[in-house]
Every structure is written in C-alpha cells, then in structure tokens.
C-alpha cells in the first residue's frame, strides 16, 4: 500500500524555484527535517505550515493535496 502524499511541499518549492536549504534557513530548521516533510515521511505542525506558506508567498491550501 503506497502512502498518499499529504503535502505538496516538494512541488511548491520547485514551482517557487527555492531549495529546501533556503526553507530550512528561513524557518530555523534542520535541512533533514525539511527533507522528511518534502517526502511526506512526517508532517510539520499546522503552525509551521502557516509559516511555510508565508515564506513561500502561497495560500496555505496550496501546500496540500486535494
């Protein structure tokens, strides 16, 4: 059974042409943490999703799959 990707973080980072390293620095997080979010291994808390949306200048809903 394949795990459904909950967030679109990897896609949005690519669309915005920014690296996970940039996001890690923006949020004061470890790059490995961002990587695990991007692969949907773990999900950040909703407050962090809000910060990510702000940092990337996207709507919060853009960070999630339907």
Protein backbone atom coordinates (compact mmCIF):
# COMPACT_ATOMS: atom_id res chain seq x y z
CA UNK A 1 0.00 0.00 0.00
CA UNK A 2 1.51 3.30 -1.03
CA UNK A 3 1.31 6.25 1.30
CA UNK A 4 -0.64 9.17 -0.09
CA UNK A 5 1.32 12.38 -0.23
CA UNK A 6 -0.46 14.75 2.12
CA UNK A 7 1.56 17.86 1.45
CA UNK A 8 2.83 19.36 -1.82
CA UNK A 9 5.85 20.98 -0.24
CA UNK A 10 8.35 19.49 -2.69
CA UNK A 11 6.23 20.62 -5.66
CA UNK A 12 5.71 24.13 -4.30
CA UNK A 13 9.43 24.55 -3.58
CA UNK A 14 10.14 23.54 -7.18
CA UNK A 15 7.45 25.91 -8.52
CA UNK A 16 8.94 28.77 -6.49
CA UNK A 17 12.44 27.74 -7.54
CA UNK A 18 13.74 27.66 -3.97
CA UNK A 19 15.67 24.93 -2.20
CA UNK A 20 14.81 23.00 0.92
CA UNK A 21 18.03 24.50 2.33
CA UNK A 22 16.60 28.01 1.83
CA UNK A 23 13.39 26.98 3.60
CA UNK A 24 15.35 25.36 6.43
CA UNK A 25 17.25 28.61 6.96
CA UNK A 26 14.04 30.68 6.77
CA UNK A 27 12.36 28.53 9.43
CA UNK A 28 15.43 27.89 11.55
CA UNK A 29 15.05 24.14 10.97
CA UNK A 30 17.39 21.33 10.09
CA UNK A 31 17.61 20.54 6.38
CA UNK A 32 16.93 16.87 7.13
CA UNK A 33 13.65 17.89 8.78
CA UNK A 34 12.56 19.77 5.65
CA UNK A 35 13.53 16.77 3.54
CA UNK A 36 11.30 14.50 5.63
CA UNK A 37 8.42 16.95 5.19
CA UNK A 38 9.03 17.02 1.43
CA UNK A 39 8.88 13.24 1.18
CA UNK A 40 5.77 13.18 3.40
CA UNK A 41 7.59 10.96 5.88
CA UNK A 42 6.43 13.31 8.62
CA UNK A 43 4.17 16.36 8.63
CA UNK A 44 5.06 19.65 10.27
CA UNK A 45 2.62 21.16 12.78
CA UNK A 46 -0.10 23.33 11.24
CA UNK A 47 1.54 26.47 12.67
CA UNK A 48 4.65 25.57 10.71
CA UNK A 49 2.61 25.07 7.54
CA UNK A 50 1.34 28.62 8.04
CA UNK A 51 4.94 29.89 8.31
CA UNK A 52 5.91 27.92 5.21
CA UNK A 53 3.00 29.40 3.24
CA UNK A 54 4.06 32.90 4.37
CA UNK A 55 7.70 32.29 3.48
CA UNK A 56 6.81 31.00 0.03
CA UNK A 57 4.08 33.59 -0.53
CA UNK A 58 1.44 30.96 -1.34
CA UNK A 59 -2.00 30.21 0.06
CA UNK A 60 -1.98 27.65 2.86
CA UNK A 61 -4.23 25.40 0.76
CA UNK A 62 -1.56 25.29 -1.97
CA UNK A 63 0.59 23.21 0.35
CA UNK A 64 -1.87 20.31 0.44
CA UNK A 65 -3.15 17.73 -1.98
CA UNK A 66 -6.90 17.52 -2.55
